[in-house]
Amino acid sequence: MKPNKFYVLIAFGMLFVACRQENSLKEYLVNTWQTTYLKIEMPTINRTDSLEVYEDKFEGNPELVAQSKYNKDGTFSAWFVNQEGKHVSPSKGKWNVVGDSLFVDFFYNGKDVKASYHITKTAEGFIGVSKYDWDEDGDSDDTLTMKTKSIKIN
């Protein structure tokens, strides 16, 4: 029994729709973002057996809010917005995407930072999770989780 051409076309169409790629992560990240949640877990803070957790939901009127802008050319800028709405502590760097990971390289607070984040897209932005030496004790055993939302800058 020969398959009906109609069914072959339907099957091919379904396959085409199922294989349609959404925007790549790199295209998705070319935008301006604001951090809405941040959690840093440091299990051996300064080489002790103590766990320190920093967590902020940036609700109400926080002292500082982190924002960043990722450009198509692989550069980005980041800054904080204070309670008066002024941009403070600006930094610039480079970024790249490989698979589902974001790699950033920038100079901040007197230090070169090279970090990577596993990125998960969300309805309003993305979640980034990074293993890094956030407490600067020499061990990349700290986990940073951040949630962002897309914003418009005037």
C-alpha atoms as a PDB file:
ATOM      1  CA  MET A   1       0.000   0.000   0.000  1.00  0.00           C
ATOM      2  CA  LYS A   2       1.518   3.337  -1.092  1.00  0.00           C
ATOM      3  CA  PRO A   3       1.291   6.214   1.340  1.00  0.00           C
ATOM      4  CA  ASN A   4      -0.983   8.983   0.278  1.00  0.00           C
ATOM      5  CA  LYS A   5       0.966  12.081  -0.850  1.00  0.00           C
ATOM      6  CA  PHE A   6      -1.246  14.186   1.395  1.00  0.00           C
ATOM      7  CA  TYR A   7      -0.073  12.282   4.495  1.00  0.00           C
ATOM      8  CA  VAL A   8       3.561  12.585   3.422  1.00  0.00           C
ATOM      9  CA  LEU A   9       3.141  16.355   3.065  1.00  0.00           C
ATOM     10  CA  ILE A  10       1.494  16.585   6.495  1.00  0.00           C
ATOM     11  CA  ALA A  11       4.268  14.508   8.056  1.00  0.00           C
ATOM     12  CA  PHE A  12       6.958  16.650   6.382  1.00  0.00           C
ATOM     13  CA  GLY A  13       5.200  19.846   7.492  1.00  0.00           C
ATOM     14  CA  MET A  14       5.003  18.625  11.078  1.00  0.00           C
ATOM     15  CA  LEU A  15       8.693  17.725  11.002  1.00  0.00           C
ATOM     16  CA  PHE A  16       9.547  21.171   9.600  1.00  0.00           C
ATOM     17  CA  VAL A  17       7.571  22.953  12.333  1.00  0.00           C
ATOM     18  CA  ALA A  18       9.064  20.741  15.058  1.00  0.00           C
ATOM     19  CA  CYS A  19      12.597  21.456  13.841  1.00  0.00           C
ATOM     20  CA  ARG A  20      12.094  25.220  13.520  1.00  0.00           C
ATOM     21  CA  GLN A  21      14.777  26.860  15.628  1.00  0.00           C
ATOM     22  CA  GLU A  22      13.906  29.627  18.014  1.00  0.00           C
ATOM     23  CA  ASN A  23      16.174  32.639  18.275  1.00  0.00           C
ATOM     24  CA  SER A  24      19.651  31.635  19.334  1.00  0.00           C
ATOM     25  CA  LEU A  25      20.741  32.452  22.860  1.00  0.00           C
ATOM     26  CA  LYS A  26      23.214  35.010  21.518  1.00  0.00           C
ATOM     27  CA  GLU A  27      20.429  36.824  19.640  1.00  0.00           C
ATOM     28  CA  TYR A  28      18.213  36.611  22.733  1.00  0.00           C
ATOM     29  CA  LEU A  29      20.837  38.181  25.010  1.00  0.00           C
ATOM     30  CA  VAL A  30      21.364  41.232  22.773  1.00  0.00           C
ATOM     31  CA  ASN A  31      19.205  43.433  24.956  1.00  0.00           C
ATOM     32  CA  THR A  32      19.191  45.496  28.154  1.00  0.00           C
ATOM     33  CA  TRP A  33      18.621  43.605  31.421  1.00  0.00           C
ATOM     34  CA  GLN A  34      17.940  44.287  35.072  1.00  0.00           C
ATOM     35  CA  THR A  35      18.722  41.858  37.872  1.00  0.00           C
ATOM     36  CA  THR A  36      15.569  41.022  39.833  1.00  0.00           C
ATOM     37  CA  TYR A  37      16.978  38.323  42.127  1.00  0.00           C
ATOM     38  CA  LEU A  38      20.455  37.342  43.261  1.00  0.00           C
ATOM     39  CA  LYS A  39      21.659  34.520  45.478  1.00  0.00           C
ATOM     40  CA  ILE A  40      25.306  33.668  46.190  1.00  0.00           C
ATOM     41  CA  GLU A  41      26.072  30.520  48.172  1.00  0.00           C
ATOM     42  CA  MET A  42      29.639  30.252  49.489  1.00  0.00           C
ATOM     43  CA  PRO A  43      30.051  26.836  51.179  1.00  0.00           C
ATOM     44  CA  THR A  44      33.605  27.367  52.444  1.00  0.00           C
ATOM     45  CA  ILE A  45      33.675  31.120  52.940  1.00  0.00           C
ATOM     46  CA  ASN A  46      37.307  32.176  53.153  1.00  0.00           C
ATOM     47  CA  ARG A  47      38.400  28.515  53.535  1.00  0.00           C
ATOM     48  CA  THR A  48      36.326  27.867  56.664  1.00  0.00           C
ATOM     49  CA  ASP A  49      33.688  25.196  57.173  1.00  0.00           C
ATOM     50  CA  SER A  50      31.009  27.887  57.276  1.00  0.00           C
ATOM     51  CA  LEU A  51      28.330  28.489  54.683  1.00  0.00           C
ATOM     52  CA  GLU A  52      27.472  32.066  53.845  1.00  0.00           C
ATOM     53  CA  VAL A  53      24.460  32.936  51.721  1.00  0.00           C
ATOM     54  CA  TYR A  54      23.714  36.340  50.264  1.00  0.00           C
ATOM     55  CA  GLU A  55      20.224  36.727  48.816  1.00  0.00           C
ATOM     56  CA  ASP A  56      18.325  39.752  47.521  1.00  0.00           C
ATOM     57  CA  LYS A  57      15.023  40.086  45.653  1.00  0.00           C
ATOM     58  CA  PHE A  58      15.549  43.817  44.963  1.00  0.00           C
ATOM     59  CA  GLU A  59      12.031  44.669  46.110  1.00  0.00           C
ATOM     60  CA  GLY A  60      10.825  47.991  47.449  1.00  0.00           C
ATOM     61  CA  ASN A  61      13.400  50.702  46.969  1.00  0.00           C
ATOM     62  CA  PRO A  62      16.777  48.916  47.036  1.00  0.00           C
ATOM     63  CA  GLU A  63      19.976  50.900  47.489  1.00  0.00           C
ATOM     64  CA  LEU A  64      21.383  49.619  44.161  1.00  0.00           C
ATOM     65  CA  VAL A  65      20.002  47.653  41.218  1.00  0.00           C
ATOM     66  CA  ALA A  66      22.268  46.000  38.651  1.00  0.00           C
ATOM     67  CA  GLN A  67      21.612  46.589  34.953  1.00  0.00           C
ATOM     68  CA  SER A  68      23.520  45.567  31.831  1.00  0.00           C
ATOM     69  CA  LYS A  69      23.412  45.889  28.084  1.00  0.00           C
ATOM     70  CA  TYR A  70      24.702  43.205  25.696  1.00  0.00           C
ATOM     71  CA  ASN A  71      25.630  44.383  22.195  1.00  0.00           C
ATOM     72  CA  LYS A  72      25.718  42.402  18.936  1.00  0.00           C
ATOM     73  CA  ASP A  73      29.468  43.009  18.570  1.00  0.00           C
ATOM     74  CA  GLY A  74      30.266  40.922  21.689  1.00  0.00           C
ATOM     75  CA  THR A  75      30.755  43.851  24.057  1.00  0.00           C
ATOM     76  CA  PHE A  76      28.655  44.703  27.081  1.00  0.00           C
ATOM     77  CA  SER A  77      28.365  47.381  29.693  1.00  0.00           C
ATOM     78  CA  ALA A  78      27.087  47.007  33.232  1.00  0.00           C
ATOM     79  CA  TRP A  79      26.267  49.484  35.965  1.00  0.00           C
ATOM     80  CA  PHE A  80      24.218  49.978  39.085  1.00  0.00           C
ATOM     81  CA  VAL A  81      21.288  52.356  39.425  1.00  0.00           C
ATOM     82  CA  ASN A  82      21.095  54.054  42.823  1.00  0.00           C
ATOM     83  CA  GLN A  83      17.966  55.303  44.580  1.00  0.00           C
ATOM     84  CA  GLU A  84      18.251  58.651  42.813  1.00  0.00           C
ATOM     85  CA  GLY A  85      18.186  56.908  39.429  1.00  0.00           C
ATOM     86  CA  LYS A  86      21.843  57.651  38.650  1.00  0.00           C
ATOM     87  CA  HIS A  87      24.148  55.122  36.976  1.00  0.00           C
ATOM     88  CA  VAL A  88      27.125  54.319  39.222  1.00  0.00           C
ATOM     89  CA  SER A  89      30.090  51.900  39.127  1.00  0.00           C
ATOM     90  CA  PRO A  90      30.073  51.314  35.367  1.00  0.00           C
ATOM     91  CA  SER A  91      32.139  48.540  33.794  1.00  0.00           C
ATOM     92  CA  LYS A  92      32.645  47.268  30.275  1.00  0.00           C
ATOM     93  CA  GLY A  93      33.655  43.898  28.946  1.00  0.00           C
ATOM     94  CA  LYS A  94      33.288  41.200  26.347  1.00  0.00           C
ATOM     95  CA  TRP A  95      30.796  38.373  26.142  1.00  0.00           C
ATOM     96  CA  ASN A  96      30.218  35.244  24.097  1.00  0.00           C
ATOM     97  CA  VAL A  97      27.798  32.344  24.000  1.00  0.00           C
ATOM     98  CA  VAL A  98      28.668  28.692  23.542  1.00  0.00           C
ATOM     99  CA  GLY A  99      25.673  26.356  23.605  1.00  0.00           C
ATOM    100  CA  ASP A 100      23.616  27.337  26.654  1.00  0.00           C
ATOM    101  CA  SER A 101      26.467  29.132  28.420  1.00  0.00           C
ATOM    102  CA  LEU A 102      27.297  32.827  28.625  1.00  0.00           C
ATOM    103  CA  PHE A 103      30.979  33.720  29.047  1.00  0.00           C
ATOM    104  CA  VAL A 104      31.897  37.199  30.302  1.00  0.00           C
ATOM    105  CA  ASP A 105      35.272  38.884  30.647  1.00  0.00           C
ATOM    106  CA  PHE A 106      35.503  42.302  32.326  1.00  0.00           C
ATOM    107  CA  PHE A 107      37.484  44.435  34.762  1.00  0.00           C
ATOM    108  CA  TYR A 108      35.646  45.472  37.931  1.00  0.00           C
ATOM    109  CA  ASN A 109      36.644  46.716  41.345  1.00  0.00           C
ATOM    110  CA  GLY A 110      40.349  46.358  40.526  1.00  0.00           C
ATOM    111  CA  LYS A 111      40.077  42.768  39.305  1.00  0.00           C
ATOM    112  CA  ASP A 112      39.830  40.888  36.028  1.00  0.00           C
ATOM    113  CA  VAL A 113      36.703  38.734  36.109  1.00  0.00           C
ATOM    114  CA  LYS A 114      36.200  35.793  33.758  1.00  0.00           C
ATOM    115  CA  ALA A 115      33.025  33.936  34.583  1.00  0.00           C
ATOM    116  CA  SER A 116      30.568  31.663  32.844  1.00  0.00           C
ATOM    117  CA  TYR A 117      26.842  31.219  33.427  1.00  0.00           C
ATOM    118  CA  HIS A 118      24.459  28.453  32.429  1.00  0.00           C
ATOM    119  CA  ILE A 119      21.540  30.395  30.937  1.00  0.00           C
ATOM    120  CA  THR A 120      17.875  29.429  30.972  1.00  0.00           C
ATOM    121  CA  LYS A 121      15.442  31.698  29.130  1.00  0.00           C
ATOM    122  CA  THR A 122      12.332  32.780  31.031  1.00  0.00           C
ATOM    123  CA  ALA A 123       9.180  34.632  30.033  1.00  0.00           C
ATOM    124  CA  GLU A 124      10.582  37.967  31.205  1.00  0.00           C
ATOM    125  CA  GLY A 125      14.348  37.445  30.911  1.00  0.00           C
ATOM    126  CA  PHE A 126      16.752  34.715  31.913  1.00  0.00           C
ATOM    127  CA  ILE A 127      18.209  32.832  34.850  1.00  0.00           C
ATOM    128  CA  GLY A 128      21.995  32.601  35.031  1.00  0.00           C
ATOM    129  CA  VAL A 129      23.837  30.138  37.279  1.00  0.00           C
ATOM    130  CA  SER A 130      27.586  30.374  37.772  1.00  0.00           C
ATOM    131  CA  LYS A 131      30.251  28.480  39.705  1.00  0.00           C
ATOM    132  CA  TYR A 132      33.040  30.904  40.558  1.00  0.00           C
ATOM    133  CA  ASP A 133      35.346  32.023  43.348  1.00  0.00           C
ATOM    134  CA  TRP A 134      33.010  34.796  44.519  1.00  0.00           C
ATOM    135  CA  ASP A 135      34.512  34.896  48.041  1.00  0.00           C
ATOM    136  CA  GLU A 136      38.062  35.051  46.590  1.00  0.00           C
ATOM    137  CA  ASP A 137      39.416  32.218  48.746  1.00  0.00           C
ATOM    138  CA  GLY A 138      41.076  30.476  45.794  1.00  0.00           C
ATOM    139  CA  ASP A 139      38.358  27.836  45.268  1.00  0.00           C
ATOM    140  CA  SER A 140      35.729  28.074  42.515  1.00  0.00           C
ATOM    141  CA  ASP A 141      33.138  26.469  44.774  1.00  0.00           C
ATOM    142  CA  ASP A 142      30.623  29.299  45.113  1.00  0.00           C
ATOM    143  CA  THR A 143      27.309  29.340  43.261  1.00  0.00           C
ATOM    144  CA  LEU A 144      25.670  32.512  42.015  1.00  0.00           C
ATOM    145  CA  THR A 145      22.087  32.402  40.770  1.00  0.00           C
ATOM    146  CA  MET A 146      20.551  35.496  39.222  1.00  0.00           C
ATOM    147  CA  LYS A 147      17.222  36.222  37.601  1.00  0.00           C
ATOM    148  CA  THR A 148      16.775  39.079  35.159  1.00  0.00           C
ATOM    149  CA  LYS A 149      14.113  40.888  33.253  1.00  0.00           C
ATOM    150  CA  SER A 150      14.329  42.743  29.953  1.00  0.00           C
ATOM    151  CA  ILE A 151      14.102  46.519  30.339  1.00  0.00           C
ATOM    152  CA  LYS A 152      13.944  49.585  28.143  1.00  0.00           C
ATOM    153  CA  ILE A 153      16.417  52.394  28.793  1.00  0.00           C
ATOM    154  CA  ASN A 154      15.537  55.941  27.728  1.00  0.00           C
END
